[in-house]
C-alpha cells in the first residue's frame, strides 16, 4: 500500500517495481490530512464519492503513451480514500524498456481534472521465460 496526501502538487512515487509478464496491482490510500504532515493534527481519508480516475504510462515524462499498457484505476469503497491501480500480464508484457513514467488523473465530477499521483516504474523481466 502507498499513502499519499492530496494537496496542491501530485504525490510522487519512485521506481515502483513491475515484473514483465505479471499481473500488477497497487493500492494507493489518499488523505486530505495526515497527522504530522505540514502541520496536520488529524488524519482524514479523502472521500472519493463522485470522482473517477484514469492513468497512463509513457516512455518519458510527457512522452509517447504506451497504449497497450493503459492501467485500470478502480475505487473499491469511495469513503475510505483508496484506489487500486492495476495492469494485466498482457499489459506488462508491452513494457519492454526498463523505466517508464506514469500518472493518475482525477476527475472530480466537474469540468476540471488534476494529476494526483505520478512516478516512475522500474520494469524487469522474469527469471524464467
N, C-alpha and C. Protein backbone atom coordinates (compact mmCIF):
# COMPACT_ATOMS: atom_id res chain seq x y z
N UNK A 1 0.85 -1.17 0.00
CA UNK A 1 0.00 0.00 0.00
C UNK A 1 0.89 1.23 0.00
N UNK A 2 0.47 2.23 -0.74
CA UNK A 2 1.16 3.50 -0.78
C UNK A 2 0.22 4.58 -0.26
N UNK A 3 0.76 5.47 0.54
CA UNK A 3 -0.03 6.52 1.16
C UNK A 3 0.35 7.86 0.56
N UNK A 4 -0.65 8.68 0.24
CA UNK A 4 -0.40 9.99 -0.33
C UNK A 4 -1.35 11.01 0.28
N UNK A 5 -0.83 12.20 0.58
CA UNK A 5 -1.67 13.31 1.00
C UNK A 5 -1.92 14.14 -0.24
N UNK A 6 -3.19 14.31 -0.58
CA UNK A 6 -3.56 15.03 -1.79
C UNK A 6 -3.56 16.52 -1.48
N UNK A 7 -2.72 17.25 -2.18
CA UNK A 7 -2.60 18.68 -1.96
C UNK A 7 -2.50 19.41 -3.28
N UNK A 8 -1.65 20.43 -3.30
CA UNK A 8 -1.51 21.25 -4.50
C UNK A 8 -0.69 20.58 -5.60
N UNK A 9 0.19 19.68 -5.21
CA UNK A 9 1.04 19.01 -6.19
C UNK A 9 0.82 17.51 -6.11
N UNK A 10 1.06 16.81 -7.21
CA UNK A 10 0.88 15.35 -7.17
C UNK A 10 1.86 14.67 -6.22
N UNK A 11 1.42 13.58 -5.62
CA UNK A 11 2.33 12.73 -4.85
C UNK A 11 3.23 12.03 -5.86
N UNK A 12 4.50 11.81 -5.50
CA UNK A 12 5.44 11.18 -6.42
C UNK A 12 5.95 9.88 -5.81
N UNK A 13 5.89 8.81 -6.60
CA UNK A 13 6.39 7.50 -6.18
C UNK A 13 7.47 7.08 -7.17
N UNK A 14 8.63 6.74 -6.65
CA UNK A 14 9.77 6.45 -7.49
C UNK A 14 10.07 4.95 -7.57
N UNK A 15 10.33 4.49 -8.78
CA UNK A 15 10.79 3.12 -9.04
C UNK A 15 9.88 2.03 -8.48
N UNK A 16 8.59 2.14 -8.76
CA UNK A 16 7.67 1.06 -8.38
C UNK A 16 8.05 -0.17 -9.21
N UNK A 17 8.33 -1.29 -8.55
CA UNK A 17 8.78 -2.47 -9.30
C UNK A 17 7.66 -3.14 -10.08
N UNK A 18 7.92 -3.43 -11.34
CA UNK A 18 6.99 -4.13 -12.22
C UNK A 18 7.76 -5.30 -12.84
N UNK A 19 7.23 -6.48 -12.73
CA UNK A 19 7.83 -7.65 -13.37
C UNK A 19 7.06 -7.92 -14.66
N UNK A 20 7.77 -7.81 -15.80
CA UNK A 20 7.15 -8.02 -17.10
C UNK A 20 6.49 -9.39 -17.15
N UNK A 21 5.24 -9.46 -17.63
CA UNK A 21 4.51 -10.72 -17.73
C UNK A 21 3.69 -11.07 -16.51
N UNK A 22 3.75 -10.25 -15.46
CA UNK A 22 2.97 -10.49 -14.24
C UNK A 22 1.76 -9.56 -14.20
N UNK A 23 0.71 -10.00 -13.52
CA UNK A 23 -0.38 -9.10 -13.15
C UNK A 23 0.14 -8.22 -12.02
N UNK A 24 -0.22 -6.95 -12.05
CA UNK A 24 0.26 -6.00 -11.05
C UNK A 24 -0.93 -5.24 -10.49
N UNK A 25 -0.96 -5.09 -9.18
CA UNK A 25 -2.00 -4.31 -8.53
C UNK A 25 -1.37 -3.54 -7.38
N UNK A 26 -1.68 -2.26 -7.28
CA UNK A 26 -1.12 -1.44 -6.20
C UNK A 26 -2.24 -0.61 -5.58
N UNK A 27 -2.32 -0.67 -4.27
CA UNK A 27 -3.32 0.09 -3.53
C UNK A 27 -2.72 1.42 -3.11
N UNK A 28 -3.40 2.51 -3.45
CA UNK A 28 -3.00 3.84 -3.01
C UNK A 28 -4.06 4.34 -2.05
N UNK A 29 -3.63 4.85 -0.90
CA UNK A 29 -4.54 5.43 0.07
C UNK A 29 -4.37 6.94 0.04
N UNK A 30 -5.47 7.65 -0.17
CA UNK A 30 -5.44 9.10 -0.34
C UNK A 30 -6.04 9.79 0.88
N UNK A 31 -5.37 10.83 1.35
CA UNK A 31 -5.80 11.56 2.53
C UNK A 31 -5.88 13.05 2.23
N UNK A 32 -6.83 13.73 2.86
CA UNK A 32 -6.88 15.18 2.76
C UNK A 32 -6.05 15.81 3.88
N UNK A 33 -5.84 15.06 4.96
CA UNK A 33 -4.94 15.50 6.03
C UNK A 33 -4.28 14.26 6.61
N UNK A 34 -3.05 14.43 7.12
CA UNK A 34 -2.29 13.30 7.65
C UNK A 34 -1.47 13.80 8.83
N UNK A 35 -1.69 13.24 10.00
CA UNK A 35 -1.02 13.70 11.23
C UNK A 35 0.48 13.80 11.01
N UNK A 36 1.03 14.96 11.39
CA UNK A 36 2.47 15.18 11.32
C UNK A 36 2.96 15.71 9.99
N UNK A 37 2.09 15.84 9.01
CA UNK A 37 2.50 16.35 7.72
C UNK A 37 2.00 17.78 7.56
N UNK A 38 2.90 18.68 7.34
CA UNK A 38 2.55 20.08 7.05
C UNK A 38 1.63 20.69 8.11
N UNK A 39 1.86 20.30 9.37
CA UNK A 39 1.07 20.86 10.47
C UNK A 39 -0.27 20.19 10.73
N UNK A 40 -0.60 19.13 9.99
CA UNK A 40 -1.87 18.43 10.19
C UNK A 40 -1.91 17.79 11.58
N UNK A 41 -3.05 17.91 12.24
CA UNK A 41 -3.22 17.31 13.56
C UNK A 41 -4.22 16.17 13.56
N UNK A 42 -4.85 15.92 12.40
CA UNK A 42 -5.77 14.79 12.26
C UNK A 42 -5.46 14.06 10.95
N UNK A 43 -5.88 12.81 10.89
CA UNK A 43 -5.76 12.04 9.66
C UNK A 43 -7.16 11.83 9.11
N UNK A 44 -7.37 12.30 7.87
CA UNK A 44 -8.69 12.21 7.25
C UNK A 44 -8.56 11.62 5.86
N UNK A 45 -9.27 10.49 5.63
CA UNK A 45 -9.27 9.89 4.30
C UNK A 45 -10.01 10.82 3.35
N UNK A 46 -9.54 10.88 2.12
CA UNK A 46 -10.20 11.68 1.10
C UNK A 46 -11.45 10.95 0.63
N UNK A 47 -12.60 11.60 0.69
CA UNK A 47 -13.84 11.00 0.23
C UNK A 47 -13.87 11.08 -1.29
N UNK A 48 -13.92 9.92 -1.95
CA UNK A 48 -13.82 9.85 -3.40
C UNK A 48 -15.17 9.75 -4.11
N UNK A 49 -16.24 9.96 -3.37
CA UNK A 49 -17.58 9.87 -3.95
C UNK A 49 -17.70 10.83 -5.14
N UNK A 50 -18.16 10.29 -6.28
CA UNK A 50 -18.37 11.10 -7.49
C UNK A 50 -17.11 11.34 -8.29
N UNK A 51 -15.98 10.80 -7.85
CA UNK A 51 -14.72 11.02 -8.56
C UNK A 51 -14.36 9.78 -9.39
N UNK A 52 -13.76 10.01 -10.53
CA UNK A 52 -13.25 8.93 -11.35
C UNK A 52 -11.77 9.16 -11.62
N UNK A 53 -11.07 8.10 -12.02
CA UNK A 53 -9.63 8.17 -12.19
C UNK A 53 -9.20 7.48 -13.47
N UNK A 54 -8.22 8.06 -14.12
CA UNK A 54 -7.59 7.45 -15.28
C UNK A 54 -6.08 7.45 -15.06
N UNK A 55 -5.41 6.62 -15.81
CA UNK A 55 -3.96 6.53 -15.67
C UNK A 55 -3.34 6.22 -17.02
N UNK A 56 -2.12 6.64 -17.20
CA UNK A 56 -1.38 6.29 -18.40
C UNK A 56 0.08 6.07 -18.06
N UNK A 57 0.75 5.36 -18.95
CA UNK A 57 2.18 5.07 -18.82
C UNK A 57 2.84 5.57 -20.09
N UNK A 58 3.97 6.26 -19.93
CA UNK A 58 4.68 6.81 -21.08
C UNK A 58 6.17 6.49 -20.99
N UNK A 59 6.82 6.56 -22.15
CA UNK A 59 8.24 6.25 -22.22
C UNK A 59 9.10 7.34 -21.57
N UNK A 60 8.65 8.57 -21.62
CA UNK A 60 9.32 9.69 -20.96
C UNK A 60 8.25 10.59 -20.36
N UNK A 61 8.63 11.46 -19.46
CA UNK A 61 7.66 12.39 -18.89
C UNK A 61 7.11 13.27 -20.02
N UNK A 62 5.79 13.20 -20.21
CA UNK A 62 5.17 13.96 -21.28
C UNK A 62 5.38 13.34 -22.66
N UNK A 63 5.90 12.11 -22.68
CA UNK A 63 6.23 11.47 -23.95
C UNK A 63 5.12 10.60 -24.49
N UNK A 64 5.51 9.70 -25.35
CA UNK A 64 4.57 8.80 -26.03
C UNK A 64 3.94 7.83 -25.04
N UNK A 65 2.62 7.79 -25.03
CA UNK A 65 1.89 6.89 -24.13
C UNK A 65 1.91 5.49 -24.72
N UNK A 66 2.11 4.50 -23.85
CA UNK A 66 2.10 3.10 -24.25
C UNK A 66 0.64 2.64 -24.19
N UNK A 67 -0.06 2.72 -25.32
CA UNK A 67 -1.50 2.45 -25.33
C UNK A 67 -1.83 1.01 -24.97
N UNK A 68 -0.91 0.07 -25.21
CA UNK A 68 -1.15 -1.33 -24.88
C UNK A 68 -1.02 -1.60 -23.38
N UNK A 69 -0.60 -0.58 -22.63
CA UNK A 69 -0.42 -0.75 -21.18
C UNK A 69 -1.15 0.37 -20.43
N UNK A 70 -2.44 0.53 -20.69
CA UNK A 70 -3.24 1.55 -20.01
C UNK A 70 -3.76 0.96 -18.70
N UNK A 71 -3.27 1.44 -17.55
CA UNK A 71 -3.70 0.89 -16.27
C UNK A 71 -5.19 1.13 -16.01
N UNK A 72 -5.77 0.24 -15.24
CA UNK A 72 -7.13 0.40 -14.75
C UNK A 72 -7.03 1.00 -13.35
N UNK A 73 -7.87 1.98 -13.06
CA UNK A 73 -7.92 2.56 -11.71
C UNK A 73 -9.35 2.40 -11.21
N UNK A 74 -9.49 1.71 -10.08
CA UNK A 74 -10.82 1.48 -9.52
C UNK A 74 -10.89 2.04 -8.10
N UNK A 75 -12.10 2.29 -7.65
CA UNK A 75 -12.37 2.81 -6.31
C UNK A 75 -13.21 1.76 -5.59
N UNK A 76 -12.59 0.94 -4.72
CA UNK A 76 -13.34 -0.13 -4.05
C UNK A 76 -14.45 0.39 -3.13
N UNK A 77 -14.13 1.37 -2.28
CA UNK A 77 -15.11 1.99 -1.39
C UNK A 77 -14.80 3.48 -1.37
N UNK A 78 -15.69 4.30 -1.90
CA UNK A 78 -15.41 5.72 -2.11
C UNK A 78 -15.08 6.48 -0.83
N UNK A 79 -15.66 6.09 0.28
CA UNK A 79 -15.48 6.88 1.51
C UNK A 79 -14.18 6.58 2.25
N UNK A 80 -13.42 5.56 1.82
CA UNK A 80 -12.19 5.26 2.56
C UNK A 80 -10.91 5.76 1.89
N UNK A 81 -11.02 6.50 0.79
CA UNK A 81 -9.86 7.14 0.18
C UNK A 81 -8.92 6.20 -0.54
N UNK A 82 -9.38 5.02 -0.91
CA UNK A 82 -8.48 4.06 -1.55
C UNK A 82 -8.81 3.89 -3.02
N UNK A 83 -7.73 3.83 -3.83
CA UNK A 83 -7.86 3.48 -5.24
C UNK A 83 -6.93 2.31 -5.50
N UNK A 84 -7.31 1.49 -6.47
CA UNK A 84 -6.48 0.36 -6.87
C UNK A 84 -6.04 0.58 -8.31
N UNK A 85 -4.73 0.60 -8.51
CA UNK A 85 -4.11 0.80 -9.81
C UNK A 85 -3.62 -0.56 -10.27
N UNK A 86 -4.02 -1.01 -11.48
CA UNK A 86 -3.64 -2.36 -11.87
C UNK A 86 -3.36 -2.50 -13.36
N UNK A 87 -2.53 -3.50 -13.65
CA UNK A 87 -2.17 -3.90 -15.01
C UNK A 87 -2.30 -5.41 -15.12
N UNK A 88 -2.70 -5.90 -16.28
CA UNK A 88 -2.75 -7.34 -16.51
C UNK A 88 -1.39 -7.82 -17.01
N UNK A 89 -1.22 -9.13 -17.04
CA UNK A 89 0.04 -9.69 -17.54
C UNK A 89 0.28 -9.31 -19.00
N UNK A 90 -0.77 -9.23 -19.79
CA UNK A 90 -0.64 -8.82 -21.20
C UNK A 90 -0.15 -7.37 -21.29
N UNK A 91 -0.66 -6.51 -20.41
CA UNK A 91 -0.23 -5.11 -20.40
C UNK A 91 1.22 -4.97 -19.97
N UNK A 92 1.64 -5.71 -18.94
CA UNK A 92 3.04 -5.60 -18.51
C UNK A 92 3.99 -6.19 -19.54
N UNK A 93 3.53 -7.13 -20.35
CA UNK A 93 4.34 -7.65 -21.46
C UNK A 93 4.69 -6.56 -22.45
N UNK A 94 3.84 -5.54 -22.58
CA UNK A 94 4.08 -4.43 -23.51
C UNK A 94 5.14 -3.45 -23.01
N UNK A 95 5.56 -3.60 -21.76
CA UNK A 95 6.57 -2.70 -21.18
C UNK A 95 7.95 -3.31 -21.39
N UNK A 96 8.59 -2.97 -22.50
CA UNK A 96 9.85 -3.60 -22.87
C UNK A 96 11.09 -2.82 -22.44
N UNK A 97 10.93 -1.55 -22.08
CA UNK A 97 12.06 -0.76 -21.59
C UNK A 97 12.22 -0.98 -20.08
N UNK A 98 13.25 -0.43 -19.51
CA UNK A 98 13.50 -0.61 -18.07
C UNK A 98 12.79 0.43 -17.20
N UNK A 99 12.55 1.62 -17.74
CA UNK A 99 11.95 2.70 -16.95
C UNK A 99 10.81 3.35 -17.73
N UNK A 100 9.73 3.62 -17.01
CA UNK A 100 8.58 4.31 -17.57
C UNK A 100 8.09 5.35 -16.57
N UNK A 101 7.30 6.28 -17.05
CA UNK A 101 6.65 7.28 -16.21
C UNK A 101 5.15 6.99 -16.22
N UNK A 102 4.49 7.23 -15.06
CA UNK A 102 3.05 7.02 -15.01
C UNK A 102 2.41 8.16 -14.25
N UNK A 103 1.10 8.32 -14.44
CA UNK A 103 0.35 9.29 -13.67
C UNK A 103 -1.05 8.74 -13.40
N UNK A 104 -1.69 9.34 -12.42
CA UNK A 104 -3.09 9.07 -12.11
C UNK A 104 -3.78 10.42 -12.10
N UNK A 105 -4.82 10.56 -12.93
CA UNK A 105 -5.54 11.82 -13.08
C UNK A 105 -6.93 11.65 -12.49
N UNK A 106 -7.32 12.63 -11.67
CA UNK A 106 -8.63 12.61 -11.03
C UNK A 106 -9.59 13.54 -11.75
N UNK A 107 -10.81 13.05 -11.96
CA UNK A 107 -11.90 13.88 -12.44
C UNK A 107 -12.92 13.90 -11.31
N UNK A 108 -13.10 15.05 -10.73
CA UNK A 108 -13.96 15.18 -9.54
C UNK A 108 -15.43 15.34 -9.88
N UNK A 109 -15.82 15.01 -11.11
CA UNK A 109 -17.22 15.14 -11.49
C UNK A 109 -17.56 16.52 -12.02
N UNK A 110 -16.55 17.33 -12.24
CA UNK A 110 -16.74 18.66 -12.81
C UNK A 110 -15.96 18.71 -14.11
N UNK A 111 -15.76 19.88 -14.66
CA UNK A 111 -15.00 20.00 -15.90
C UNK A 111 -13.49 20.02 -15.65
N UNK A 112 -13.08 20.06 -14.39
CA UNK A 112 -11.65 20.15 -14.11
C UNK A 112 -11.06 18.77 -13.80
N UNK A 113 -9.81 18.62 -14.16
CA UNK A 113 -9.05 17.42 -13.84
C UNK A 113 -7.77 17.85 -13.14
N UNK A 114 -7.20 16.92 -12.37
CA UNK A 114 -5.90 17.21 -11.78
C UNK A 114 -5.13 15.91 -11.62
N UNK A 115 -3.84 16.02 -11.80
CA UNK A 115 -2.95 14.88 -11.59
C UNK A 115 -2.70 14.77 -10.10
N UNK A 116 -3.02 13.61 -9.53
CA UNK A 116 -2.84 13.44 -8.09
C UNK A 116 -1.66 12.54 -7.75
N UNK A 117 -1.26 11.68 -8.68
CA UNK A 117 -0.12 10.79 -8.46
C UNK A 117 0.70 10.74 -9.75
N UNK A 118 2.01 10.75 -9.59
CA UNK A 118 2.89 10.49 -10.71
C UNK A 118 4.12 9.79 -10.19
N UNK A 119 4.85 9.19 -11.09
CA UNK A 119 6.05 8.50 -10.65
C UNK A 119 6.71 7.72 -11.75
N UNK A 120 7.65 6.86 -11.34
CA UNK A 120 8.38 6.04 -12.28
C UNK A 120 8.16 4.57 -11.96
N UNK A 121 8.25 3.76 -13.01
CA UNK A 121 8.14 2.31 -12.89
C UNK A 121 9.48 1.70 -13.26
N UNK A 122 9.94 0.76 -12.46
CA UNK A 122 11.17 0.02 -12.75
C UNK A 122 10.78 -1.37 -13.22
N UNK A 123 10.94 -1.60 -14.53
CA UNK A 123 10.47 -2.84 -15.15
C UNK A 123 11.63 -3.82 -15.30
N UNK A 124 11.37 -5.05 -14.91
CA UNK A 124 12.37 -6.10 -15.10
C UNK A 124 11.69 -7.36 -15.64
N UNK A 125 12.48 -8.22 -16.25
CA UNK A 125 11.96 -9.46 -16.79
C UNK A 125 11.90 -10.54 -15.73
N UNK A 126 11.21 -11.60 -16.05
CA UNK A 126 11.14 -12.76 -15.16
C UNK A 126 12.45 -13.54 -15.23
N UNK A 127 12.72 -14.32 -14.21
CA UNK A 127 13.89 -15.19 -14.21
C UNK A 127 13.71 -16.33 -15.20
N UNK A 128 12.46 -16.74 -15.42
CA UNK A 128 12.18 -17.81 -16.38
C UNK A 128 11.44 -17.22 -17.56
N UNK A 129 11.64 -17.75 -18.76
CA UNK A 129 10.98 -17.20 -19.95
C UNK A 129 9.48 -17.50 -19.96
